Protein backbone atom coordinates (compact mmCIF):
# COMPACT_ATOMS: atom_id res chain seq x y z
CA UNK A 1 64.49 -1.87 -189.35
CA UNK A 2 64.81 -3.30 -185.87
CA UNK A 3 64.09 -6.63 -184.18
CA UNK A 4 62.62 -7.10 -180.74
CA UNK A 5 61.44 -10.23 -178.89
CA UNK A 6 57.85 -10.94 -177.95
CA UNK A 7 57.58 -13.31 -174.99
CA UNK A 8 54.55 -15.59 -175.13
CA UNK A 9 53.64 -17.74 -172.10
CA UNK A 10 53.03 -21.43 -172.77
CA UNK A 11 49.79 -22.26 -170.97
CA UNK A 12 49.69 -26.00 -171.73
CA UNK A 13 50.04 -27.85 -168.40
CA UNK A 14 51.45 -30.90 -170.19
CA UNK A 15 54.40 -29.02 -171.68
CA UNK A 16 57.59 -28.20 -169.72
CA UNK A 17 58.37 -25.18 -171.91
CA UNK A 18 57.29 -22.00 -170.14
CA UNK A 19 57.85 -19.16 -172.62
CA UNK A 20 58.15 -18.97 -176.40
CA UNK A 21 60.16 -16.15 -177.95
CA UNK A 22 59.11 -14.61 -181.26
CA UNK A 23 61.57 -12.25 -182.91
CA UNK A 24 59.62 -9.50 -184.66
CA UNK A 25 61.00 -7.13 -187.29
CA UNK A 26 59.51 -3.65 -187.53
CA UNK A 27 60.32 -0.19 -188.82
CA UNK A 28 62.37 1.58 -186.15
CA UNK A 29 62.05 5.28 -185.42
CA UNK A 30 65.45 6.62 -184.25
CA UNK A 31 65.62 8.60 -181.02
CA UNK A 32 65.36 8.13 -177.27
CA UNK A 33 62.51 10.43 -176.30
CA UNK A 34 59.46 8.91 -174.64
CA UNK A 35 57.32 9.87 -177.64
CA UNK A 36 59.66 8.01 -179.98
CA UNK A 37 59.72 4.99 -177.69
CA UNK A 38 55.93 4.92 -177.59
CA UNK A 39 55.76 5.05 -181.38
CA UNK A 40 58.26 2.20 -181.64
CA UNK A 41 56.21 0.16 -179.20
CA UNK A 42 53.13 0.77 -181.34
CA UNK A 43 55.04 -0.29 -184.47
CA UNK A 44 56.33 -3.42 -182.74
CA UNK A 45 52.86 -4.40 -181.55
CA UNK A 46 51.36 -3.76 -184.98
CA UNK A 47 54.00 -5.96 -186.60
CA UNK A 48 53.44 -8.67 -183.99
CA UNK A 49 49.70 -8.57 -184.58
CA UNK A 50 50.31 -9.49 -188.23
CA UNK A 51 51.86 -12.69 -186.81
CA UNK A 52 48.74 -13.32 -184.70
CA UNK A 53 50.51 -12.18 -181.53
CA UNK A 54 47.90 -10.09 -179.75
CA UNK A 55 47.00 -8.58 -177.35
CA UNK A 56 50.45 -7.64 -176.07
CA UNK A 57 51.48 -5.68 -173.01
CA UNK A 58 54.55 -3.44 -172.97
CA UNK A 59 55.97 -3.72 -169.44
CA UNK A 60 57.99 -0.55 -169.04
CA UNK A 61 57.66 3.07 -167.99
CA UNK A 62 56.93 3.84 -171.66
CA UNK A 63 53.85 1.62 -171.83
CA UNK A 64 50.59 3.18 -172.98
CA UNK A 65 48.68 0.75 -170.77
CA UNK A 66 48.43 1.60 -167.07
CA UNK A 67 48.96 -2.06 -166.17
CA UNK A 68 52.18 -2.14 -168.19
CA UNK A 69 53.47 0.89 -166.34
CA UNK A 70 52.44 -0.49 -162.94
CA UNK A 71 54.15 -3.83 -163.52
CA UNK A 72 57.44 -2.33 -164.76
CA UNK A 73 60.49 -3.09 -162.62
CA UNK A 74 60.70 0.42 -161.16
CA UNK A 75 57.25 0.05 -159.57
CA UNK A 76 57.59 -3.40 -158.02
CA UNK A 77 58.86 -4.43 -154.59
CA UNK A 78 59.54 -7.68 -152.75
CA UNK A 79 59.42 -8.51 -149.05
CA UNK A 80 62.64 -9.33 -147.24
CA UNK A 81 62.91 -11.73 -144.31
CA UNK A 82 61.78 -8.97 -141.95
CA UNK A 83 58.65 -8.31 -144.05
CA UNK A 84 60.09 -4.96 -145.18
CA UNK A 85 59.36 -3.92 -148.74
CA UNK A 86 62.45 -3.68 -150.93
CA UNK A 87 62.25 -2.16 -154.45
CA UNK A 88 62.84 -4.91 -156.99
CA UNK A 89 65.95 -3.36 -158.52
CA UNK A 90 67.34 -2.59 -155.07
CA UNK A 91 66.91 -6.24 -154.11
CA UNK A 92 68.58 -7.35 -157.34
CA UNK A 93 71.66 -5.11 -157.15
CA UNK A 94 71.94 -5.06 -153.35
CA UNK A 95 72.04 -8.86 -153.24
CA UNK A 96 75.08 -9.18 -155.50
CA UNK A 97 78.06 -10.96 -153.97
CA UNK A 98 81.61 -10.29 -155.18
CA UNK A 99 84.88 -11.93 -154.27
CA UNK A 100 85.73 -8.65 -152.53
CA UNK A 101 82.48 -7.99 -150.69
CA UNK A 102 78.71 -8.02 -150.68
CA UNK A 103 75.85 -8.34 -150.51
CA UNK A 104 75.44 -4.60 -149.90
CA UNK A 105 72.07 -4.70 -148.19
CA UNK A 106 72.08 -0.97 -147.42
CA UNK A 107 71.18 -0.55 -151.10
CA UNK A 108 67.77 -2.02 -150.25
CA UNK A 109 66.87 1.43 -148.89
CA UNK A 110 67.94 3.32 -152.01
CA UNK A 111 66.46 4.04 -155.43
CA UNK A 112 67.48 4.53 -159.04
CA UNK A 113 70.91 5.95 -159.76
CA UNK A 114 71.84 5.78 -156.07
CA UNK A 115 71.83 2.01 -156.53
CA UNK A 116 73.37 1.47 -159.95
CA UNK A 117 75.94 4.22 -159.37
CA UNK A 118 77.24 2.75 -156.12
CA UNK A 119 81.00 2.33 -156.53
CA UNK A 120 81.09 -0.91 -154.56
CA UNK A 121 79.26 -2.64 -157.41
CA UNK A 122 82.21 -1.76 -159.64
CA UNK A 123 85.20 -2.04 -157.29
CA UNK A 124 84.51 -5.21 -155.29
CA UNK A 125 86.03 -7.66 -157.73
CA UNK A 126 84.36 -10.36 -159.77
CA UNK A 127 80.73 -11.10 -159.12
CA UNK A 128 80.32 -14.63 -157.77
CA UNK A 129 76.60 -14.79 -157.03
CA UNK A 130 73.63 -13.38 -155.15
CA UNK A 131 72.39 -13.74 -151.59
CA UNK A 132 68.88 -12.71 -150.55
CA UNK A 133 66.79 -13.86 -147.60
CA UNK A 134 69.36 -16.56 -146.85
CA UNK A 135 69.15 -18.05 -150.34
CA UNK A 136 72.25 -18.37 -152.50
CA UNK A 137 72.21 -17.98 -156.28
CA UNK A 138 75.19 -18.72 -158.51
CA UNK A 139 76.56 -15.98 -160.73
CA UNK A 140 75.37 -17.69 -163.91
CA UNK A 141 71.86 -17.76 -162.44
CA UNK A 142 71.42 -13.99 -162.42
CA UNK A 143 68.42 -14.20 -164.74
CA UNK A 144 66.88 -16.91 -162.55
CA UNK A 145 67.29 -14.73 -159.49
CA UNK A 146 65.72 -11.79 -161.31
CA UNK A 147 62.83 -14.02 -162.47
CA UNK A 148 62.35 -15.22 -158.90
CA UNK A 149 62.22 -11.65 -157.60
CA UNK A 150 59.78 -10.55 -160.31
CA UNK A 151 57.44 -13.49 -159.75
CA UNK A 152 57.29 -12.78 -156.02
CA UNK A 153 56.82 -9.07 -156.62
CA UNK A 154 53.95 -9.48 -159.09
CA UNK A 155 52.24 -11.93 -156.79
CA UNK A 156 52.07 -9.28 -154.07
CA UNK A 157 49.76 -7.07 -156.13
CA UNK A 158 46.33 -8.53 -156.86
CA UNK A 159 45.63 -6.04 -159.67
CA UNK A 160 48.80 -7.11 -161.44
CA UNK A 161 48.63 -10.83 -160.73
CA UNK A 162 45.06 -11.03 -162.04
CA UNK A 163 45.51 -8.50 -164.83
CA UNK A 164 48.55 -9.58 -166.81
CA UNK A 165 47.26 -13.13 -167.57
CA UNK A 166 44.72 -11.48 -169.90
CA UNK A 167 47.54 -10.69 -172.33
CA UNK A 168 48.95 -13.21 -174.79
CA UNK A 169 52.47 -11.82 -174.79
CA UNK A 170 54.84 -9.25 -173.34
CA UNK A 171 57.34 -6.77 -174.75
CA UNK A 172 59.96 -4.41 -173.38
CA UNK A 173 61.16 -1.96 -175.99
CA UNK A 174 64.68 -1.72 -174.52
CA UNK A 175 65.13 -5.51 -174.36
CA UNK A 176 67.39 -6.48 -177.29
CA UNK A 177 66.79 -9.36 -179.64
CA UNK A 178 68.63 -12.53 -178.66
CA UNK A 179 69.63 -11.16 -175.26
CA UNK A 180 70.76 -13.43 -172.45
CA UNK A 181 70.59 -10.80 -169.71
CA UNK A 182 67.66 -10.04 -167.46
CA UNK A 183 64.56 -8.93 -169.34
CA UNK A 184 61.48 -7.86 -167.42
CA UNK A 185 59.08 -8.86 -170.21
CA UNK A 186 60.40 -12.42 -170.14
CA UNK A 187 60.03 -12.56 -166.36
CA UNK A 188 56.41 -11.39 -166.61
CA UNK A 189 55.73 -14.10 -169.19
CA UNK A 190 57.18 -16.69 -166.81
CA UNK A 191 54.76 -15.55 -164.12
CA UNK A 192 51.76 -16.02 -166.42
CA UNK A 193 53.00 -19.44 -167.56
CA UNK A 194 53.46 -20.63 -163.99
CA UNK A 195 49.96 -19.48 -163.09
CA UNK A 196 48.43 -21.15 -166.14
CA UNK A 197 50.18 -24.46 -165.41
CA UNK A 198 49.15 -24.33 -161.71
CA UNK A 199 52.80 -24.28 -160.67
CA UNK A 200 53.00 -20.90 -158.97
CA UNK A 201 52.29 -22.10 -155.45
CA UNK A 202 54.93 -24.81 -155.84
CA UNK A 203 57.71 -22.35 -156.64
CA UNK A 204 56.94 -19.34 -154.45
CA UNK A 205 58.46 -20.77 -151.27
CA UNK A 206 60.69 -23.52 -152.63
CA UNK A 207 63.87 -22.48 -154.43
CA UNK A 208 64.73 -26.06 -155.42
CA UNK A 209 61.32 -26.60 -157.00
CA UNK A 210 61.59 -23.23 -158.74
CA UNK A 211 64.92 -24.27 -160.28
CA UNK A 212 63.60 -27.70 -161.27
CA UNK A 213 60.74 -26.14 -163.21
CA UNK A 214 62.58 -23.21 -164.71
CA UNK A 215 65.55 -25.15 -166.09
CA UNK A 216 63.20 -27.19 -168.26
CA UNK A 217 62.56 -24.04 -170.27
CA UNK A 218 64.78 -23.87 -173.36
CA UNK A 219 66.17 -20.47 -172.36
CA UNK A 220 67.86 -22.04 -169.33
CA UNK A 221 68.78 -25.58 -170.33
CA UNK A 222 72.31 -25.01 -171.67
CA UNK A 223 73.68 -22.73 -168.98
CA UNK A 224 72.13 -22.92 -165.52
CA UNK A 225 74.34 -23.12 -162.45
CA UNK A 226 72.48 -23.75 -159.22
C-alpha cells in the first residue's frame, strides 16, 4: 500500500482556506518505469474517486491527460524583469541565495540536470533565501516562492489557466504524503482556488497581498517567514 495527497481547491469566496489535502491509500505497484507510474496514477485516482474526489488531474510528465503534461513544472516558464522567458525550475533554483553567493542568474538559461547539478548550489554555504525580479523571499518561504512562480507561469498560458479549473483536484505521483517541500500539484490547486475566489488579480503583482492571502491557508500558518 501507499499514500499520496490529493489537493482540492476551496472555491468558497467566504473561506480563507485555499486548498484541502486528502490523504488517499491505494495499492502501489513497485517500480520506476513510466508504465508503472501511469498505473499507480490510475490506482490513486480510482481510490480517490471512491471518496468522491473526481475528476482529478495528474500534473506531471507521467500524466495521461495532455493538460496535465502541459502544466507540469518542466513545461512552464515565467517572465523576468526584462520580459525574457525563464523555465520555472531554472527560475526557482537560479534565484536561490546562499551566505556564500547567489542568486546564480546564469542558470536561467539552462535546463534540467545542468541546473540541479550545478556545484554552486551545493558549495555556496547555507541557503538564506531567494531573490527574483527584485523581490526577496526568506528561506522558510521556499514553497511560497515556488507557488508564486507557478501561479504566474500558469497564468501566461490561456489553455492552462482556463483548463485546469475544470478539475476538482490535483495529484503528483512523486509528491509524498505529508510533505512540506514544494509540490507542483499543490501549487496548481492554489491557482484554481485564487481564481475561484476572485483573488488572482490581487496577488499577481503584489507580493505583500500574495503573502497575506496565502498565509491564511492552514499549510502555511505555523511556519511562514516573510
